[in-house]
C-alpha atoms as a PDB file:
ATOM      1  CA  MET A   1     168.037 100.610 138.066  1.00  0.00           C
ATOM      2  CA  GLU A   2     164.556 100.247 136.573  1.00  0.00           C
ATOM      3  CA  ILE A   3     161.759 101.036 139.019  1.00  0.00           C
ATOM      4  CA  ARG A   4     158.340 100.086 137.684  1.00  0.00           C
ATOM      5  CA  GLN A   5     154.775  99.088 138.493  1.00  0.00           C
ATOM      6  CA  PRO A   6     154.483  95.419 139.410  1.00  0.00           C
ATOM      7  CA  GLU A   7     152.274  93.078 137.446  1.00  0.00           C
ATOM      8  CA  ALA A   8     149.607  90.999 139.185  1.00  0.00           C
ATOM      9  CA  ASN A   9     151.477  87.789 138.376  1.00  0.00           C
ATOM     10  CA  GLU A  10     154.472  89.014 140.408  1.00  0.00           C
ATOM     11  CA  VAL A  11     152.686  88.948 143.777  1.00  0.00           C
ATOM     12  CA  ASP A  12     154.045  85.492 144.659  1.00  0.00           C
ATOM     13  CA  ARG A  13     157.652  86.542 143.972  1.00  0.00           C
ATOM     14  CA  LEU A  14     157.224  89.796 145.907  1.00  0.00           C
ATOM     15  CA  ALA A  15     155.617  87.978 148.842  1.00  0.00           C
ATOM     16  CA  LYS A  16     158.635  85.653 148.956  1.00  0.00           C
ATOM     17  CA  VAL A  17     161.018  88.646 148.936  1.00  0.00           C
ATOM     18  CA  TRP A  18     158.980  90.262 151.729  1.00  0.00           C
ATOM     19  CA  TYR A  19     158.763  87.097 153.818  1.00  0.00           C
ATOM     20  CA  ASP A  20     162.487  86.293 153.554  1.00  0.00           C
ATOM     21  CA  ALA A  21     163.574  89.883 154.238  1.00  0.00           C
ATOM     22  CA  TRP A  22     161.107  90.220 157.132  1.00  0.00           C
ATOM     23  CA  GLN A  23     162.416  87.018 158.698  1.00  0.00           C
ATOM     24  CA  ASP A  24     165.997  88.220 158.289  1.00  0.00           C
ATOM     25  CA  ALA A  25     165.410  91.689 159.763  1.00  0.00           C
ATOM     26  CA  HIS A  26     162.550  91.238 162.224  1.00  0.00           C
ATOM     27  CA  ALA A  27     162.018  87.675 163.444  1.00  0.00           C
ATOM     28  CA  ALA A  28     164.717  87.875 166.124  1.00  0.00           C
ATOM     29  CA  ILE A  29     163.785  91.332 167.436  1.00  0.00           C
ATOM     30  CA  LEU A  30     159.974  91.289 167.420  1.00  0.00           C
ATOM     31  CA  PRO A  31     157.505  89.378 169.597  1.00  0.00           C
ATOM     32  CA  PRO A  32     156.992  85.724 168.553  1.00  0.00           C
ATOM     33  CA  GLU A  33     153.215  86.193 168.378  1.00  0.00           C
ATOM     34  CA  LEU A  34     153.705  88.777 165.619  1.00  0.00           C
ATOM     35  CA  ALA A  35     156.203  86.552 163.815  1.00  0.00           C
ATOM     36  CA  ARG A  36     153.625  83.744 163.765  1.00  0.00           C
ATOM     37  CA  ASP A  37     151.238  86.010 161.879  1.00  0.00           C
ATOM     38  CA  ARG A  38     153.820  87.165 159.339  1.00  0.00           C
ATOM     39  CA  THR A  39     153.504  84.249 156.921  1.00  0.00           C
ATOM     40  CA  GLU A  40     154.198  84.261 153.219  1.00  0.00           C
ATOM     41  CA  ALA A  41     150.427  83.928 152.656  1.00  0.00           C
ATOM     42  CA  SER A  42     149.744  87.016 154.799  1.00  0.00           C
ATOM     43  CA  PHE A  43     152.301  89.020 152.831  1.00  0.00           C
ATOM     44  CA  ARG A  44     150.805  87.775 149.550  1.00  0.00           C
ATOM     45  CA  LYS A  45     147.342  88.973 150.612  1.00  0.00           C
ATOM     46  CA  ARG A  46     148.627  92.375 151.761  1.00  0.00           C
ATOM     47  CA  LEU A  47     150.650  92.879 148.573  1.00  0.00           C
ATOM     48  CA  ALA A  48     147.729  92.000 146.334  1.00  0.00           C
ATOM     49  CA  ALA A  49     145.638  94.648 148.119  1.00  0.00           C
ATOM     50  CA  ALA A  50     148.392  97.285 147.841  1.00  0.00           C
ATOM     51  CA  LEU A  51     149.679  96.559 144.335  1.00  0.00           C
ATOM     52  CA  ALA A  52     148.491  99.901 142.931  1.00  0.00           C
ATOM     53  CA  ASP A  53     150.631 101.739 145.521  1.00  0.00           C
ATOM     54  CA  THR A  54     153.666  99.494 145.057  1.00  0.00           C
ATOM     55  CA  ARG A  55     156.694  99.853 142.807  1.00  0.00           C
ATOM     56  CA  VAL A  56     159.363  97.232 142.204  1.00  0.00           C
ATOM     57  CA  ALA A  57     162.994  97.078 141.184  1.00  0.00           C
ATOM     58  CA  GLY A  58     164.248  94.436 138.814  1.00  0.00           C
ATOM     59  CA  PRO A  59     163.100  92.656 135.688  1.00  0.00           C
ATOM     60  CA  LYS A  60     159.581  91.318 135.265  1.00  0.00           C
ATOM     61  CA  GLY A  61     159.252  87.984 137.005  1.00  0.00           C
ATOM     62  CA  ALA A  62     162.470  88.485 138.969  1.00  0.00           C
ATOM     63  CA  ALA A  63     161.841  91.529 141.151  1.00  0.00           C
ATOM     64  CA  LEU A  64     164.655  92.293 143.575  1.00  0.00           C
ATOM     65  CA  GLY A  65     162.684  94.504 145.934  1.00  0.00           C
ATOM     66  CA  PHE A  66     159.626  96.671 146.363  1.00  0.00           C
ATOM     67  CA  CYS A  67     158.318  99.781 148.049  1.00  0.00           C
ATOM     68  CA  THR A  68     154.710 100.514 148.984  1.00  0.00           C
ATOM     69  CA  LEU A  69     153.214 103.878 149.921  1.00  0.00           C
ATOM     70  CA  LYS A  70     150.216 104.515 152.142  1.00  0.00           C
ATOM     71  CA  ASP A  71     149.041 108.128 152.267  1.00  0.00           C
ATOM     72  CA  ASP A  72     152.093 110.142 153.465  1.00  0.00           C
ATOM     73  CA  GLU A  73     153.933 107.040 154.705  1.00  0.00           C
ATOM     74  CA  LEU A  74     156.650 105.016 153.076  1.00  0.00           C
ATOM     75  CA  TYR A  75     154.750 101.942 154.243  1.00  0.00           C
ATOM     76  CA  GLN A  76     156.922  99.001 153.192  1.00  0.00           C
ATOM     77  CA  LEU A  77     160.437  98.713 151.759  1.00  0.00           C
ATOM     78  CA  PHE A  78     162.012  95.293 151.352  1.00  0.00           C
ATOM     79  CA  VAL A  79     164.882  94.025 149.211  1.00  0.00           C
ATOM     80  CA  ALA A  80     165.995  90.461 148.497  1.00  0.00           C
ATOM     81  CA  ALA A  81     169.192  89.437 150.306  1.00  0.00           C
ATOM     82  CA  GLU A  82     171.065  88.937 147.031  1.00  0.00           C
ATOM     83  CA  ALA A  83     170.319  92.538 145.998  1.00  0.00           C
ATOM     84  CA  ARG A  84     171.390  94.298 149.195  1.00  0.00           C
ATOM     85  CA  CYS A  85     174.226  96.818 148.967  1.00  0.00           C
ATOM     86  CA  ALA A  86     173.658  97.070 145.207  1.00  0.00           C
ATOM     87  CA  GLY A  87     171.689 100.325 145.158  1.00  0.00           C
ATOM     88  CA  VAL A  88     168.261  98.663 144.925  1.00  0.00           C
ATOM     89  CA  ALA A  89     166.939 100.054 148.214  1.00  0.00           C
ATOM     90  CA  ALA A  90     168.326 103.515 147.439  1.00  0.00           C
ATOM     91  CA  ALA A  91     166.617 103.497 144.027  1.00  0.00           C
ATOM     92  CA  LEU A  92     163.324 102.364 145.567  1.00  0.00           C
ATOM     93  CA  ILE A  93     163.405 104.983 148.317  1.00  0.00           C
ATOM     94  CA  ALA A  94     164.272 107.741 145.821  1.00  0.00           C
ATOM     95  CA  ASP A  95     161.307 106.681 143.689  1.00  0.00           C
ATOM     96  CA  ALA A  96     159.046 106.619 146.762  1.00  0.00           C
ATOM     97  CA  GLU A  97     160.173 110.099 147.793  1.00  0.00           C
ATOM     98  CA  ALA A  98     159.487 111.411 144.283  1.00  0.00           C
ATOM     99  CA  ARG A  99     155.995 109.859 144.292  1.00  0.00           C
ATOM    100  CA  LEU A 100     155.245 111.316 147.728  1.00  0.00           C
ATOM    101  CA  ARG A 101     156.541 114.731 146.669  1.00  0.00           C
ATOM    102  CA  ALA A 102     154.358 114.598 143.537  1.00  0.00           C
ATOM    103  CA  LYS A 103     151.344 113.928 145.776  1.00  0.00           C
ATOM    104  CA  GLY A 104     152.129 117.133 147.666  1.00  0.00           C
ATOM    105  CA  VAL A 105     153.512 115.476 150.806  1.00  0.00           C
ATOM    106  CA  ARG A 106     155.745 117.902 152.675  1.00  0.00           C
ATOM    107  CA  VAL A 107     156.969 115.564 155.426  1.00  0.00           C
ATOM    108  CA  ALA A 108     156.972 111.830 154.787  1.00  0.00           C
ATOM    109  CA  TRP A 109     157.358 109.224 157.470  1.00  0.00           C
ATOM    110  CA  LEU A 110     158.092 105.555 157.922  1.00  0.00           C
ATOM    111  CA  ALA A 111     158.071 103.097 160.793  1.00  0.00           C
ATOM    112  CA  CYS A 112     161.198 101.129 161.627  1.00  0.00           C
ATOM    113  CA  ALA A 113     161.278  98.243 164.073  1.00  0.00           C
ATOM    114  CA  ILE A 114     163.138  99.181 167.226  1.00  0.00           C
ATOM    115  CA  GLY A 115     166.433  97.319 167.059  1.00  0.00           C
ATOM    116  CA  ASN A 116     166.601  97.124 163.257  1.00  0.00           C
ATOM    117  CA  THR A 117     169.823  99.097 163.203  1.00  0.00           C
ATOM    118  CA  ARG A 118     170.757  98.083 159.643  1.00  0.00           C
ATOM    119  CA  ALA A 119     167.555  99.697 158.323  1.00  0.00           C
ATOM    120  CA  ALA A 120     167.918 102.697 160.643  1.00  0.00           C
ATOM    121  CA  ARG A 121     171.450 103.385 159.369  1.00  0.00           C
ATOM    122  CA  PHE A 122     170.217 103.104 155.786  1.00  0.00           C
ATOM    123  CA  TYR A 123     167.350 105.564 156.357  1.00  0.00           C
ATOM    124  CA  GLU A 124     169.696 108.042 158.027  1.00  0.00           C
ATOM    125  CA  LYS A 125     172.126 107.741 155.118  1.00  0.00           C
ATOM    126  CA  GLN A 126     169.205 108.617 152.810  1.00  0.00           C
ATOM    127  CA  GLY A 127     168.486 111.813 154.778  1.00  0.00           C
ATOM    128  CA  TRP A 128     165.720 110.558 157.070  1.00  0.00           C
ATOM    129  CA  HIS A 129     165.865 111.390 160.777  1.00  0.00           C
ATOM    130  CA  LEU A 130     164.523 109.652 163.860  1.00  0.00           C
ATOM    131  CA  ALA A 131     161.608 111.808 165.008  1.00  0.00           C
ATOM    132  CA  ARG A 132     160.262 109.760 167.902  1.00  0.00           C
ATOM    133  CA  THR A 133     159.052 106.397 169.130  1.00  0.00           C
ATOM    134  CA  PHE A 134     155.343 105.644 168.812  1.00  0.00           C
ATOM    135  CA  THR A 135     152.919 102.745 169.036  1.00  0.00           C
ATOM    136  CA  SER A 136     151.985 101.359 165.642  1.00  0.00           C
ATOM    137  CA  HIS A 137     148.776  99.387 165.221  1.00  0.00           C
ATOM    138  CA  LEU A 138     149.889  96.622 162.879  1.00  0.00           C
ATOM    139  CA  GLU A 139     147.333  94.699 160.853  1.00  0.00           C
ATOM    140  CA  THR A 140     147.223  90.969 161.563  1.00  0.00           C
ATOM    141  CA  ALA A 141     144.793  88.141 160.848  1.00  0.00           C
ATOM    142  CA  ASN A 142     143.597  88.470 164.462  1.00  0.00           C
ATOM    143  CA  GLY A 143     143.121  92.245 164.477  1.00  0.00           C
ATOM    144  CA  ASN A 144     145.554  95.003 165.367  1.00  0.00           C
ATOM    145  CA  PHE A 145     148.834  94.239 167.093  1.00  0.00           C
ATOM    146  CA  ASP A 146     150.291  97.180 169.020  1.00  0.00           C
ATOM    147  CA  LEU A 147     154.051  97.569 168.696  1.00  0.00           C
ATOM    148  CA  ASP A 148     156.373 100.394 169.679  1.00  0.00           C
ATOM    149  CA  VAL A 149     158.464 101.457 166.669  1.00  0.00           C
ATOM    150  CA  TRP A 150     160.808 104.228 165.621  1.00  0.00           C
ATOM    151  CA  ARG A 151     159.221 106.929 163.454  1.00  0.00           C
ATOM    152  CA  TYR A 152     161.576 108.337 160.839  1.00  0.00           C
ATOM    153  CA  GLU A 153     160.692 111.480 158.914  1.00  0.00           C
ATOM    154  CA  LYS A 154     162.011 113.373 155.920  1.00  0.00           C
ATOM    155  CA  ARG A 155     161.037 116.809 154.652  1.00  0.00           C
ATOM    156  CA  LEU A 156     160.311 116.473 150.960  1.00  0.00           C
ATOM    157  CA  ARG A 157     158.958 119.949 150.188  1.00  0.00           C
ATOM    158  CA  GLU A 158     159.381 123.310 151.780  1.00  0.00           C
ATOM    159  CA  ASP A 159     156.231 125.034 152.996  1.00  0.00           C
ATOM    160  CA  GLU A 160     154.878 127.327 150.323  1.00  0.00           C
END
């Protein structure tokens, strides 16, 4: 599976992947006021701003998924429905872990929506563990939206 830097002209495709996957995994379990903010346009804007920290799986122009890092956090990981259970997410998370490790991160973390059991099972299968529940301050067009989420962690490097 080729994992690569996205090109600027792929933002629309990636925003569509993100929007569709977000709707599938989150729309039914998160507050409706947050779902109203999570539009394809909002994902497009966020992806454009984070493109340098994003890697994608799949051929140019037909990305199947992406992963974005933010400091020591695996910030976003989304895969198109047609690419699920095909190793795309596992390849993206392995790439993200390698990038975090190369940055010197010892313990990486990610936020998982409470109730997103499919994602939680996947993270656990990849060696991540549920560390705690915390309140995340999600960015929206109207300011921060506070949401309780699961915090998963994974030790990437042993203390030196």
